[in-house]
Amino acid sequence: MTDNPPRGELFILSGPSGAGKTTLIQSLMRSPLSGPDRLRFSVSHTTRRPRDGEVDGRDYHFVDPATFERMRAAGDFLEWAEVHGNFYGTSRGEVFPRLAQGIDVLLDIDVQGAEQVLARHPAAHSIFLMPPSFEALAARLRRRALDDEATIVNRLTVALAELGCYDRYHYVIVNEDASQASAALEAIILEKRHRQERIRGRIQGILKDFRDKTT
């Protein structure tokens, strides 16, 4: 029996732009499953400009292309990709120290990044968030009013290619209802936390307590 905490779990959430990943993550980070010693969201680095309301260090680490390239060349990224003309990357420092401390980590990355992470960390749990229909995704993209029409059309075209990658993921959540989708995401995390091998140390402690008090 060891006093070291069990290693944290790594969760990957992917899906087309506008599928609702940010909403689900915000809901999850407000839930009892979250917290600095339980579940952390990995803040990605990006070269894109901040949108209204986004905060550096909370939503993304916003860096210039030269800084991003220096980090990439130094091997600082667990994964990186170019998406819609901007670069995104997950730094190793956002992930592995937390896992070693027994803290679960959630990544919001595209299908390219997910492939890289799974190749380097096969124990990660991958979740694909799928919109219920083309019309629903198009409506969401237009309703959030972040892009012009040409960009929206491009995002919908890219979405088709991304949807074709769903079978590379362990889980698929169809985001027809945000509350149900949030519950599904939480259920996946809870299931992984209650696997026998994850809580073996606690199990052994309970058994020892019973042995000590019944013999």
N, C-alpha and C. Protein backbone atom coordinates (compact mmCIF):
# COMPACT_ATOMS: atom_id res chain seq x y z
N MET A 1 0.85 -1.20 0.00
CA MET A 1 0.00 0.00 0.00
C MET A 1 0.87 1.24 0.00
N THR A 2 0.52 2.26 -0.76
CA THR A 2 1.32 3.47 -0.89
C THR A 2 0.49 4.69 -0.55
N ASP A 3 1.18 5.74 -0.03
CA ASP A 3 0.50 6.99 0.28
C ASP A 3 0.42 7.89 -0.94
N ASN A 4 1.09 7.52 -2.02
CA ASN A 4 1.06 8.34 -3.22
C ASN A 4 -0.33 8.34 -3.82
N PRO A 5 -0.82 9.48 -4.33
CA PRO A 5 -2.16 9.51 -4.92
C PRO A 5 -2.18 8.72 -6.22
N PRO A 6 -3.34 8.13 -6.58
CA PRO A 6 -3.42 7.47 -7.89
C PRO A 6 -3.25 8.51 -8.98
N ARG A 7 -2.65 8.09 -10.08
CA ARG A 7 -2.41 9.02 -11.17
C ARG A 7 -3.74 9.53 -11.72
N GLY A 8 -3.78 10.81 -12.05
CA GLY A 8 -4.99 11.40 -12.60
C GLY A 8 -5.32 10.86 -13.98
N GLU A 9 -6.56 11.08 -14.39
CA GLU A 9 -7.03 10.65 -15.70
C GLU A 9 -6.98 11.83 -16.67
N LEU A 10 -6.66 11.53 -17.93
CA LEU A 10 -6.62 12.54 -18.97
C LEU A 10 -7.83 12.36 -19.88
N PHE A 11 -8.63 13.43 -20.00
CA PHE A 11 -9.84 13.40 -20.83
C PHE A 11 -9.67 14.36 -22.00
N ILE A 12 -10.08 13.90 -23.18
CA ILE A 12 -10.02 14.70 -24.41
C ILE A 12 -11.45 14.97 -24.86
N LEU A 13 -11.79 16.23 -25.10
CA LEU A 13 -13.09 16.59 -25.66
C LEU A 13 -12.86 17.27 -27.00
N SER A 14 -13.43 16.69 -28.05
CA SER A 14 -13.32 17.26 -29.40
C SER A 14 -14.70 17.40 -30.00
N GLY A 15 -14.76 18.20 -31.05
CA GLY A 15 -16.01 18.37 -31.78
C GLY A 15 -15.91 19.58 -32.67
N PRO A 16 -16.80 19.71 -33.64
CA PRO A 16 -16.76 20.85 -34.55
C PRO A 16 -16.93 22.18 -33.83
N SER A 17 -16.40 23.22 -34.41
CA SER A 17 -16.62 24.56 -33.90
C SER A 17 -18.12 24.85 -33.83
N GLY A 18 -18.60 25.27 -32.67
CA GLY A 18 -20.02 25.55 -32.50
C GLY A 18 -20.81 24.39 -31.94
N ALA A 19 -20.16 23.24 -31.69
CA ALA A 19 -20.89 22.07 -31.18
C ALA A 19 -21.30 22.22 -29.73
N GLY A 20 -20.67 23.16 -29.01
CA GLY A 20 -21.05 23.41 -27.62
C GLY A 20 -20.01 22.97 -26.60
N LYS A 21 -18.76 22.78 -27.02
CA LYS A 21 -17.73 22.32 -26.10
C LYS A 21 -17.52 23.30 -24.95
N THR A 22 -17.44 24.59 -25.27
CA THR A 22 -17.19 25.59 -24.23
C THR A 22 -18.29 25.60 -23.19
N THR A 23 -19.54 25.50 -23.61
CA THR A 23 -20.66 25.47 -22.67
C THR A 23 -20.57 24.27 -21.74
N LEU A 24 -20.26 23.09 -22.30
CA LEU A 24 -20.15 21.89 -21.48
C LEU A 24 -19.00 22.00 -20.50
N ILE A 25 -17.88 22.53 -20.95
CA ILE A 25 -16.71 22.66 -20.07
C ILE A 25 -17.00 23.63 -18.94
N GLN A 26 -17.64 24.75 -19.25
CA GLN A 26 -17.97 25.72 -18.20
C GLN A 26 -18.91 25.10 -17.16
N SER A 27 -19.87 24.32 -17.63
CA SER A 27 -20.78 23.65 -16.71
C SER A 27 -20.04 22.64 -15.84
N LEU A 28 -19.14 21.88 -16.47
CA LEU A 28 -18.38 20.88 -15.74
C LEU A 28 -17.49 21.52 -14.67
N MET A 29 -16.86 22.64 -15.01
CA MET A 29 -15.94 23.27 -14.07
C MET A 29 -16.67 23.92 -12.90
N ARG A 30 -17.99 24.08 -13.01
CA ARG A 30 -18.78 24.58 -11.88
C ARG A 30 -19.36 23.45 -11.04
N SER A 31 -19.20 22.21 -11.49
CA SER A 31 -19.83 21.07 -10.82
C SER A 31 -18.97 20.57 -9.66
N PRO A 32 -19.54 19.75 -8.76
CA PRO A 32 -18.76 19.18 -7.64
C PRO A 32 -17.61 18.28 -8.11
N LEU A 33 -17.62 17.84 -9.37
CA LEU A 33 -16.54 17.00 -9.88
C LEU A 33 -15.25 17.78 -10.05
N SER A 34 -15.37 19.11 -10.11
CA SER A 34 -14.24 19.95 -10.43
C SER A 34 -13.58 20.49 -9.18
N GLY A 35 -12.51 21.25 -9.39
CA GLY A 35 -11.77 21.85 -8.29
C GLY A 35 -10.29 21.73 -8.53
N PRO A 36 -9.48 22.56 -7.88
CA PRO A 36 -8.04 22.56 -8.13
C PRO A 36 -7.35 21.24 -7.82
N ASP A 37 -7.92 20.44 -6.91
CA ASP A 37 -7.29 19.17 -6.55
C ASP A 37 -8.03 17.97 -7.13
N ARG A 38 -9.01 18.21 -8.02
CA ARG A 38 -9.79 17.11 -8.57
C ARG A 38 -9.77 17.09 -10.09
N LEU A 39 -10.15 18.19 -10.72
CA LEU A 39 -10.22 18.27 -12.17
C LEU A 39 -9.81 19.65 -12.62
N ARG A 40 -8.90 19.71 -13.57
CA ARG A 40 -8.45 20.99 -14.10
C ARG A 40 -8.61 21.00 -15.61
N PHE A 41 -8.99 22.16 -16.12
CA PHE A 41 -9.07 22.36 -17.57
C PHE A 41 -7.71 22.82 -18.06
N SER A 42 -7.18 22.15 -19.06
CA SER A 42 -5.89 22.52 -19.62
C SER A 42 -6.07 23.71 -20.56
N VAL A 43 -5.45 24.82 -20.22
CA VAL A 43 -5.56 26.04 -21.03
C VAL A 43 -4.56 25.97 -22.17
N SER A 44 -5.05 25.97 -23.39
CA SER A 44 -4.20 25.85 -24.57
C SER A 44 -3.51 27.17 -24.91
N HIS A 45 -2.41 27.04 -25.65
CA HIS A 45 -1.76 28.21 -26.24
C HIS A 45 -2.32 28.40 -27.66
N THR A 46 -2.48 29.65 -28.06
CA THR A 46 -2.97 29.92 -29.41
C THR A 46 -2.39 31.23 -29.95
N THR A 47 -2.29 31.28 -31.27
CA THR A 47 -1.82 32.51 -31.93
C THR A 47 -2.99 33.38 -32.38
N ARG A 48 -4.22 32.89 -32.21
CA ARG A 48 -5.34 33.73 -32.65
C ARG A 48 -5.58 34.85 -31.65
N ARG A 49 -6.24 35.90 -32.10
CA ARG A 49 -6.52 37.05 -31.26
C ARG A 49 -7.67 36.73 -30.29
N PRO A 50 -7.65 37.32 -29.10
CA PRO A 50 -8.74 37.07 -28.15
C PRO A 50 -10.07 37.61 -28.67
N ARG A 51 -11.13 36.88 -28.40
CA ARG A 51 -12.47 37.36 -28.69
C ARG A 51 -12.97 38.18 -27.51
N ASP A 52 -14.04 38.91 -27.74
CA ASP A 52 -14.62 39.73 -26.67
C ASP A 52 -14.94 38.85 -25.46
N GLY A 53 -14.47 39.26 -24.31
CA GLY A 53 -14.76 38.53 -23.08
C GLY A 53 -13.74 37.47 -22.73
N GLU A 54 -12.87 37.10 -23.65
CA GLU A 54 -11.86 36.09 -23.35
C GLU A 54 -10.72 36.69 -22.54
N VAL A 55 -10.20 35.91 -21.61
CA VAL A 55 -9.15 36.37 -20.70
C VAL A 55 -7.91 35.51 -20.89
N ASP A 56 -6.77 36.17 -21.04
CA ASP A 56 -5.51 35.45 -21.19
C ASP A 56 -5.22 34.65 -19.92
N GLY A 57 -4.88 33.38 -20.09
CA GLY A 57 -4.60 32.52 -18.96
C GLY A 57 -5.80 31.76 -18.45
N ARG A 58 -7.00 32.24 -18.78
CA ARG A 58 -8.22 31.53 -18.38
C ARG A 58 -8.81 30.79 -19.57
N ASP A 59 -9.02 31.50 -20.67
CA ASP A 59 -9.59 30.86 -21.86
C ASP A 59 -8.49 30.25 -22.73
N TYR A 60 -7.44 31.00 -22.95
CA TYR A 60 -6.26 30.55 -23.70
C TYR A 60 -5.05 31.31 -23.17
N HIS A 61 -3.87 30.76 -23.48
CA HIS A 61 -2.65 31.53 -23.37
C HIS A 61 -2.42 32.13 -24.76
N PHE A 62 -2.66 33.41 -24.90
CA PHE A 62 -2.54 34.06 -26.20
C PHE A 62 -1.08 34.47 -26.42
N VAL A 63 -0.47 33.93 -27.48
CA VAL A 63 0.94 34.21 -27.76
C VAL A 63 1.09 34.60 -29.23
N ASP A 64 2.21 35.25 -29.54
CA ASP A 64 2.47 35.60 -30.94
C ASP A 64 3.07 34.39 -31.66
N PRO A 65 3.03 34.39 -33.00
CA PRO A 65 3.54 33.23 -33.76
C PRO A 65 4.98 32.87 -33.43
N ALA A 66 5.84 33.87 -33.17
CA ALA A 66 7.24 33.58 -32.87
C ALA A 66 7.38 32.81 -31.56
N THR A 67 6.60 33.21 -30.56
CA THR A 67 6.63 32.51 -29.27
C THR A 67 6.13 31.08 -29.42
N PHE A 68 5.05 30.93 -30.17
CA PHE A 68 4.50 29.59 -30.39
C PHE A 68 5.54 28.70 -31.07
N GLU A 69 6.21 29.23 -32.08
CA GLU A 69 7.20 28.44 -32.81
C GLU A 69 8.37 28.06 -31.92
N ARG A 70 8.79 28.96 -31.04
CA ARG A 70 9.88 28.63 -30.11
C ARG A 70 9.48 27.48 -29.19
N MET A 71 8.25 27.52 -28.70
CA MET A 71 7.76 26.46 -27.83
C MET A 71 7.67 25.13 -28.58
N ARG A 72 7.19 25.21 -29.81
CA ARG A 72 7.06 23.99 -30.61
C ARG A 72 8.43 23.38 -30.88
N ALA A 73 9.40 24.22 -31.26
CA ALA A 73 10.75 23.73 -31.55
C ALA A 73 11.42 23.13 -30.31
N ALA A 74 11.07 23.66 -29.13
CA ALA A 74 11.65 23.16 -27.89
C ALA A 74 10.98 21.90 -27.38
N GLY A 75 9.91 21.45 -28.06
CA GLY A 75 9.20 20.25 -27.63
C GLY A 75 8.30 20.47 -26.45
N ASP A 76 7.86 21.73 -26.26
CA ASP A 76 7.02 22.05 -25.10
C ASP A 76 5.58 21.57 -25.24
N PHE A 77 5.16 21.23 -26.46
CA PHE A 77 3.76 20.88 -26.68
C PHE A 77 3.54 19.37 -26.70
N LEU A 78 2.50 18.94 -26.00
CA LEU A 78 2.04 17.56 -26.10
C LEU A 78 1.39 17.33 -27.45
N GLU A 79 0.71 18.36 -27.94
CA GLU A 79 0.11 18.33 -29.28
C GLU A 79 0.00 19.76 -29.76
N TRP A 80 -0.04 19.91 -31.09
CA TRP A 80 -0.28 21.22 -31.67
C TRP A 80 -0.88 21.01 -33.07
N ALA A 81 -1.58 22.02 -33.54
CA ALA A 81 -2.20 21.92 -34.85
C ALA A 81 -2.53 23.33 -35.37
N GLU A 82 -2.68 23.43 -36.67
CA GLU A 82 -3.17 24.65 -37.28
C GLU A 82 -4.64 24.46 -37.59
N VAL A 83 -5.47 25.37 -37.10
CA VAL A 83 -6.92 25.27 -37.25
C VAL A 83 -7.45 26.62 -37.71
N HIS A 84 -8.11 26.64 -38.86
CA HIS A 84 -8.69 27.88 -39.39
C HIS A 84 -7.65 29.01 -39.45
N GLY A 85 -6.44 28.66 -39.82
CA GLY A 85 -5.40 29.67 -40.02
C GLY A 85 -4.66 30.11 -38.77
N ASN A 86 -4.98 29.53 -37.62
CA ASN A 86 -4.29 29.86 -36.37
C ASN A 86 -3.70 28.59 -35.77
N PHE A 87 -2.68 28.76 -34.93
CA PHE A 87 -2.04 27.62 -34.29
C PHE A 87 -2.54 27.48 -32.85
N TYR A 88 -2.73 26.22 -32.47
CA TYR A 88 -3.17 25.88 -31.12
C TYR A 88 -2.26 24.77 -30.60
N GLY A 89 -1.97 24.80 -29.30
CA GLY A 89 -1.14 23.75 -28.74
C GLY A 89 -1.39 23.54 -27.26
N THR A 90 -1.19 22.31 -26.80
CA THR A 90 -1.32 21.96 -25.39
C THR A 90 0.07 21.76 -24.82
N SER A 91 0.45 22.58 -23.85
CA SER A 91 1.79 22.44 -23.28
C SER A 91 1.83 21.26 -22.32
N ARG A 92 2.98 20.60 -22.29
CA ARG A 92 3.15 19.46 -21.39
C ARG A 92 3.01 19.89 -19.93
N GLY A 93 3.42 21.13 -19.64
CA GLY A 93 3.33 21.63 -18.27
C GLY A 93 1.92 21.79 -17.76
N GLU A 94 0.94 21.88 -18.67
CA GLU A 94 -0.46 21.98 -18.27
C GLU A 94 -1.05 20.62 -17.91
N VAL A 95 -0.35 19.54 -18.31
CA VAL A 95 -0.94 18.20 -18.21
C VAL A 95 -0.21 17.29 -17.24
N PHE A 96 1.04 16.96 -17.52
CA PHE A 96 1.70 15.88 -16.81
C PHE A 96 1.97 16.14 -15.32
N PRO A 97 2.37 17.35 -14.91
CA PRO A 97 2.52 17.57 -13.46
C PRO A 97 1.21 17.35 -12.70
N ARG A 98 0.09 17.74 -13.28
CA ARG A 98 -1.20 17.56 -12.61
C ARG A 98 -1.58 16.08 -12.54
N LEU A 99 -1.39 15.36 -13.63
CA LEU A 99 -1.68 13.92 -13.61
C LEU A 99 -0.87 13.22 -12.53
N ALA A 100 0.40 13.60 -12.40
CA ALA A 100 1.28 12.98 -11.40
C ALA A 100 0.79 13.26 -9.98
N GLN A 101 0.09 14.40 -9.79
CA GLN A 101 -0.45 14.76 -8.48
C GLN A 101 -1.81 14.12 -8.21
N GLY A 102 -2.30 13.32 -9.16
CA GLY A 102 -3.60 12.68 -8.99
C GLY A 102 -4.77 13.53 -9.43
N ILE A 103 -4.50 14.62 -10.14
CA ILE A 103 -5.55 15.53 -10.61
C ILE A 103 -5.94 15.15 -12.03
N ASP A 104 -7.23 15.03 -12.28
CA ASP A 104 -7.72 14.77 -13.64
C ASP A 104 -7.57 16.03 -14.48
N VAL A 105 -7.31 15.84 -15.77
CA VAL A 105 -7.10 16.97 -16.69
C VAL A 105 -8.01 16.81 -17.90
N LEU A 106 -8.67 17.89 -18.29
CA LEU A 106 -9.55 17.90 -19.45
C LEU A 106 -8.95 18.77 -20.55
N LEU A 107 -8.84 18.20 -21.75
CA LEU A 107 -8.35 18.93 -22.91
C LEU A 107 -9.50 19.22 -23.86
N ASP A 108 -9.54 20.44 -24.39
CA ASP A 108 -10.47 20.81 -25.47
C ASP A 108 -9.60 21.00 -26.71
N ILE A 109 -9.54 19.96 -27.55
CA ILE A 109 -8.66 19.99 -28.72
C ILE A 109 -9.38 19.41 -29.92
N ASP A 110 -8.88 19.74 -31.12
CA ASP A 110 -9.51 19.26 -32.34
C ASP A 110 -9.04 17.83 -32.64
N VAL A 111 -9.57 17.27 -33.73
CA VAL A 111 -9.29 15.87 -34.04
C VAL A 111 -7.81 15.63 -34.34
N GLN A 112 -7.13 16.61 -34.94
CA GLN A 112 -5.70 16.46 -35.18
C GLN A 112 -4.93 16.33 -33.87
N GLY A 113 -5.26 17.21 -32.94
CA GLY A 113 -4.59 17.18 -31.65
C GLY A 113 -4.91 15.92 -30.87
N ALA A 114 -6.17 15.46 -30.96
CA ALA A 114 -6.55 14.25 -30.25
C ALA A 114 -5.75 13.05 -30.73
N GLU A 115 -5.52 12.95 -32.02
CA GLU A 115 -4.72 11.85 -32.56
C GLU A 115 -3.31 11.89 -31.99
N GLN A 116 -2.73 13.07 -31.91
CA GLN A 116 -1.37 13.20 -31.37
C GLN A 116 -1.32 12.78 -29.90
N VAL A 117 -2.30 13.24 -29.11
CA VAL A 117 -2.31 12.91 -27.69
C VAL A 117 -2.49 11.42 -27.48
N LEU A 118 -3.42 10.80 -28.20
CA LEU A 118 -3.67 9.38 -28.03
C LEU A 118 -2.47 8.54 -28.46
N ALA A 119 -1.72 9.02 -29.45
CA ALA A 119 -0.53 8.30 -29.88
C ALA A 119 0.55 8.34 -28.79
N ARG A 120 0.62 9.45 -28.05
CA ARG A 120 1.65 9.62 -27.03
C ARG A 120 1.17 9.23 -25.65
N HIS A 121 -0.14 9.21 -25.44
CA HIS A 121 -0.71 8.89 -24.13
C HIS A 121 -1.97 8.03 -24.36
N PRO A 122 -1.78 6.75 -24.71
CA PRO A 122 -2.91 5.90 -25.08
C PRO A 122 -3.95 5.72 -23.97
N ALA A 123 -3.57 5.99 -22.73
CA ALA A 123 -4.52 5.82 -21.63
C ALA A 123 -5.56 6.94 -21.56
N ALA A 124 -5.41 7.97 -22.38
CA ALA A 124 -6.37 9.08 -22.37
C ALA A 124 -7.75 8.60 -22.81
N HIS A 125 -8.78 9.26 -22.30
CA HIS A 125 -10.17 8.92 -22.62
C HIS A 125 -10.72 9.99 -23.57
N SER A 126 -11.08 9.58 -24.77
CA SER A 126 -11.48 10.54 -25.81
C SER A 126 -13.00 10.60 -25.95
N ILE A 127 -13.51 11.82 -26.05
CA ILE A 127 -14.95 12.07 -26.12
C ILE A 127 -15.22 13.00 -27.29
N PHE A 128 -16.13 12.63 -28.16
CA PHE A 128 -16.47 13.46 -29.32
C PHE A 128 -17.85 14.05 -29.10
N LEU A 129 -17.94 15.38 -29.23
CA LEU A 129 -19.21 16.08 -29.08
C LEU A 129 -19.78 16.37 -30.47
N MET A 130 -20.95 15.82 -30.74
CA MET A 130 -21.54 15.89 -32.07
C MET A 130 -22.83 16.73 -32.06
N PRO A 131 -22.99 17.64 -33.00
CA PRO A 131 -24.25 18.39 -33.09
C PRO A 131 -25.35 17.46 -33.58
N PRO A 132 -26.62 17.74 -33.25
CA PRO A 132 -27.70 16.84 -33.65
C PRO A 132 -28.04 16.89 -35.14
N SER A 133 -27.64 17.97 -35.84
CA SER A 133 -27.95 18.10 -37.26
C SER A 133 -27.13 19.24 -37.86
N PHE A 134 -27.08 19.25 -39.19
CA PHE A 134 -26.41 20.35 -39.90
C PHE A 134 -27.08 21.68 -39.56
N GLU A 135 -28.41 21.67 -39.58
CA GLU A 135 -29.15 22.91 -39.33
C GLU A 135 -28.88 23.46 -37.93
N ALA A 136 -28.78 22.55 -36.94
CA ALA A 136 -28.52 22.99 -35.57
C ALA A 136 -27.15 23.63 -35.44
N LEU A 137 -26.14 23.03 -36.08
CA LEU A 137 -24.80 23.59 -36.00
C LEU A 137 -24.73 24.93 -36.72
N ALA A 138 -25.33 25.01 -37.91
CA ALA A 138 -25.33 26.27 -38.65
C ALA A 138 -26.00 27.38 -37.84
N ALA A 139 -27.11 27.04 -37.19
CA ALA A 139 -27.82 28.03 -36.39
C ALA A 139 -26.97 28.51 -35.21
N ARG A 140 -26.26 27.57 -34.57
CA ARG A 140 -25.42 27.93 -33.43
C ARG A 140 -24.29 28.86 -33.87
N LEU A 141 -23.67 28.54 -34.99
CA LEU A 141 -22.56 29.37 -35.48
C LEU A 141 -23.03 30.79 -35.80
N ARG A 142 -24.21 30.88 -36.41
CA ARG A 142 -24.72 32.22 -36.76
C ARG A 142 -25.20 32.96 -35.51
N ARG A 143 -25.76 32.23 -34.56
CA ARG A 143 -26.31 32.88 -33.36
C ARG A 143 -25.20 33.47 -32.49
N ARG A 144 -24.05 32.84 -32.46
CA ARG A 144 -23.00 33.38 -31.60
C ARG A 144 -22.31 34.60 -32.22
N ALA A 145 -22.52 34.83 -33.52
CA ALA A 145 -22.11 36.07 -34.20
C ALA A 145 -20.63 36.39 -34.03
N LEU A 146 -19.79 35.35 -34.16
CA LEU A 146 -18.35 35.56 -34.04
C LEU A 146 -17.66 35.63 -35.39
N ASP A 147 -18.33 35.15 -36.46
CA ASP A 147 -17.69 35.02 -37.76
C ASP A 147 -18.58 35.60 -38.85
N ASP A 148 -17.94 35.98 -39.97
CA ASP A 148 -18.72 36.39 -41.13
C ASP A 148 -19.26 35.14 -41.83
N GLU A 149 -20.12 35.35 -42.83
CA GLU A 149 -20.80 34.23 -43.47
C GLU A 149 -19.81 33.30 -44.17
N ALA A 150 -18.79 33.85 -44.80
CA ALA A 150 -17.82 33.00 -45.49
C ALA A 150 -17.09 32.08 -44.51
N THR A 151 -16.76 32.62 -43.34
CA THR A 151 -16.09 31.81 -42.32
C THR A 151 -17.01 30.72 -41.79
N ILE A 152 -18.28 31.06 -41.62
CA ILE A 152 -19.25 30.07 -41.14
C ILE A 152 -19.38 28.93 -42.15
N VAL A 153 -19.47 29.26 -43.44
CA VAL A 153 -19.56 28.23 -44.46
C VAL A 153 -18.34 27.32 -44.42
N ASN A 154 -17.17 27.92 -44.22
CA ASN A 154 -15.93 27.13 -44.12
C ASN A 154 -15.96 26.23 -42.89
N ARG A 155 -16.44 26.76 -41.77
CA ARG A 155 -16.51 25.95 -40.55
C ARG A 155 -17.45 24.76 -40.73
N LEU A 156 -18.54 24.95 -41.45
CA LEU A 156 -19.48 23.86 -41.69
C LEU A 156 -18.87 22.80 -42.60
N THR A 157 -18.07 23.23 -43.56
CA THR A 157 -17.38 22.28 -44.44
C THR A 157 -16.36 21.47 -43.65
N VAL A 158 -15.59 22.15 -42.80
CA VAL A 158 -14.62 21.47 -41.95
C VAL A 158 -15.32 20.51 -41.00
N ALA A 159 -16.49 20.91 -40.51
CA ALA A 159 -17.24 20.07 -39.57
C ALA A 159 -17.56 18.71 -40.16
N LEU A 160 -17.87 18.66 -41.46
CA LEU A 160 -18.17 17.38 -42.09
C LEU A 160 -16.99 16.43 -41.99
N ALA A 161 -15.79 16.93 -42.26
CA ALA A 161 -14.59 16.10 -42.15
C ALA A 161 -14.35 15.67 -40.70
N GLU A 162 -14.59 16.58 -39.75
CA GLU A 162 -14.38 16.25 -38.34
C GLU A 162 -15.39 15.19 -37.87
N LEU A 163 -16.63 15.30 -38.31
CA LEU A 163 -17.65 14.33 -37.91
C LEU A 163 -17.29 12.92 -38.38
N GLY A 164 -16.59 12.84 -39.51
CA GLY A 164 -16.18 11.53 -40.01
C GLY A 164 -15.14 10.85 -39.15
N CYS A 165 -14.60 11.57 -38.17
CA CYS A 165 -13.58 10.99 -37.28
C CYS A 165 -14.17 10.47 -35.97
N TYR A 166 -15.49 10.49 -35.83
CA TYR A 166 -16.11 10.14 -34.56
C TYR A 166 -15.72 8.75 -34.08
N ASP A 167 -15.48 7.82 -35.03
CA ASP A 167 -15.22 6.43 -34.64
C ASP A 167 -13.81 6.22 -34.09
N ARG A 168 -13.02 7.27 -34.03
CA ARG A 168 -11.70 7.18 -33.40
C ARG A 168 -11.78 7.47 -31.90
N TYR A 169 -12.95 7.84 -31.44
CA TYR A 169 -13.13 8.24 -30.04
C TYR A 169 -13.80 7.13 -29.24
N HIS A 170 -13.54 7.12 -27.94
CA HIS A 170 -14.13 6.11 -27.06
C HIS A 170 -15.61 6.39 -26.81
N TYR A 171 -15.97 7.66 -26.75
CA TYR A 171 -17.35 8.06 -26.44
C TYR A 171 -17.82 9.11 -27.43
N VAL A 172 -19.14 9.12 -27.69
CA VAL A 172 -19.76 10.17 -28.50
C VAL A 172 -20.96 10.71 -27.73
N ILE A 173 -21.02 12.03 -27.60
CA ILE A 173 -22.17 12.69 -26.98
C ILE A 173 -22.84 13.55 -28.05
N VAL A 174 -24.11 13.30 -28.33
CA VAL A 174 -24.87 14.13 -29.25
C VAL A 174 -25.48 15.27 -28.45
N ASN A 175 -25.06 16.48 -28.75
CA ASN A 175 -25.46 17.65 -27.95
C ASN A 175 -26.76 18.24 -28.46
N GLU A 176 -27.83 17.52 -28.19
CA GLU A 176 -29.16 18.03 -28.55
C GLU A 176 -29.74 18.86 -27.41
N ASP A 177 -29.42 18.47 -26.19
CA ASP A 177 -29.87 19.18 -25.00
C ASP A 177 -28.64 19.39 -24.12
N ALA A 178 -28.34 20.65 -23.80
CA ALA A 178 -27.10 20.96 -23.09
C ALA A 178 -27.03 20.30 -21.72
N SER A 179 -28.15 20.25 -20.99
CA SER A 179 -28.13 19.66 -19.66
C SER A 179 -27.89 18.16 -19.72
N GLN A 180 -28.49 17.49 -20.69
CA GLN A 180 -28.26 16.05 -20.85
C GLN A 180 -26.84 15.76 -21.31
N ALA A 181 -26.32 16.60 -22.21
CA ALA A 181 -24.95 16.42 -22.67
C ALA A 181 -23.97 16.63 -21.51
N SER A 182 -24.23 17.61 -20.66
CA SER A 182 -23.38 17.85 -19.49
C SER A 182 -23.41 16.65 -18.55
N ALA A 183 -24.61 16.09 -18.35
CA ALA A 183 -24.74 14.93 -17.47
C ALA A 183 -23.96 13.74 -18.03
N ALA A 184 -23.99 13.57 -19.35
CA ALA A 184 -23.26 12.47 -19.97
C ALA A 184 -21.76 12.64 -19.77
N LEU A 185 -21.25 13.87 -19.95
CA LEU A 185 -19.83 14.12 -19.76
C LEU A 185 -19.42 13.85 -18.31
N GLU A 186 -20.23 14.29 -17.36
CA GLU A 186 -19.94 14.03 -15.95
C GLU A 186 -19.95 12.54 -15.64
N ALA A 187 -20.88 11.81 -16.26
CA ALA A 187 -20.98 10.36 -16.02
C ALA A 187 -19.72 9.64 -16.49
N ILE A 188 -19.18 10.07 -17.62
CA ILE A 188 -17.95 9.45 -18.13
C ILE A 188 -16.81 9.66 -17.14
N ILE A 189 -16.68 10.88 -16.62
CA ILE A 189 -15.61 11.17 -15.67
C ILE A 189 -15.80 10.38 -14.38
N LEU A 190 -17.02 10.31 -13.88
CA LEU A 190 -17.29 9.55 -12.66
C LEU A 190 -16.96 8.07 -12.84
N GLU A 191 -17.32 7.52 -13.98
CA GLU A 191 -17.06 6.09 -14.23
C GLU A 191 -15.57 5.81 -14.16
N LYS A 192 -14.75 6.67 -14.75
CA LYS A 192 -13.31 6.46 -14.74
C LYS A 192 -12.74 6.60 -13.33
N ARG A 193 -13.30 7.48 -12.54
CA ARG A 193 -12.80 7.67 -11.18
C ARG A 193 -13.11 6.50 -10.27
N HIS A 194 -14.12 5.69 -10.62
CA HIS A 194 -14.50 4.59 -9.76
C HIS A 194 -14.05 3.23 -10.28
N ARG A 195 -13.15 3.24 -11.25
CA ARG A 195 -12.57 1.97 -11.67
C ARG A 195 -11.75 1.38 -10.51
N GLN A 196 -11.74 0.06 -10.44
CA GLN A 196 -11.06 -0.61 -9.33
C GLN A 196 -9.60 -0.19 -9.21
N GLU A 197 -8.89 -0.15 -10.35
CA GLU A 197 -7.47 0.17 -10.29
C GLU A 197 -7.22 1.62 -9.85
N ARG A 198 -8.18 2.50 -10.10
CA ARG A 198 -8.01 3.91 -9.71
C ARG A 198 -8.10 4.07 -8.20
N ILE A 199 -8.97 3.31 -7.55
CA ILE A 199 -9.18 3.49 -6.11
C ILE A 199 -8.62 2.31 -5.31
N ARG A 200 -7.67 1.58 -5.88
CA ARG A 200 -7.14 0.40 -5.20
C ARG A 200 -6.53 0.76 -3.85
N GLY A 201 -5.84 1.88 -3.76
CA GLY A 201 -5.25 2.27 -2.49
C GLY A 201 -6.31 2.46 -1.41
N ARG A 202 -7.40 3.11 -1.76
CA ARG A 202 -8.46 3.32 -0.78
C ARG A 202 -9.12 2.00 -0.40
N ILE A 203 -9.31 1.13 -1.38
CA ILE A 203 -9.90 -0.19 -1.10
C ILE A 203 -9.06 -0.95 -0.09
N GLN A 204 -7.74 -0.95 -0.34
CA GLN A 204 -6.85 -1.67 0.56
C GLN A 204 -6.87 -1.07 1.97
N GLY A 205 -7.03 0.25 2.04
CA GLY A 205 -7.12 0.89 3.35
C GLY A 205 -8.37 0.47 4.10
N ILE A 206 -9.49 0.38 3.39
CA ILE A 206 -10.75 -0.06 4.01
C ILE A 206 -10.64 -1.50 4.49
N LEU A 207 -10.07 -2.36 3.64
CA LEU A 207 -9.90 -3.77 4.03
C LEU A 207 -9.01 -3.90 5.25
N LYS A 208 -7.95 -3.13 5.31
CA LYS A 208 -7.04 -3.18 6.45
C LYS A 208 -7.76 -2.74 7.73
N ASP A 209 -8.59 -1.70 7.59
CA ASP A 209 -9.35 -1.22 8.74
C ASP A 209 -10.25 -2.32 9.28
N PHE A 210 -10.92 -3.05 8.39
CA PHE A 210 -11.80 -4.14 8.83
C PHE A 210 -11.01 -5.27 9.45
N ARG A 211 -9.86 -5.62 8.84
CA ARG A 211 -9.05 -6.70 9.39
C ARG A 211 -8.54 -6.37 10.79
N ASP A 212 -8.07 -5.11 10.93
CA ASP A 212 -7.52 -4.70 12.22
C ASP A 212 -8.57 -4.73 13.33
N LYS A 213 -9.83 -4.48 12.97
CA LYS A 213 -10.86 -4.35 13.99
C LYS A 213 -11.72 -5.60 14.15
N THR A 214 -11.45 -6.61 13.36
CA THR A 214 -12.24 -7.85 13.47
C THR A 214 -11.36 -9.06 13.80
N THR A 215 -10.05 -8.84 13.98
CA THR A 215 -9.17 -9.97 14.30
C THR A 215 -8.41 -9.69 15.59
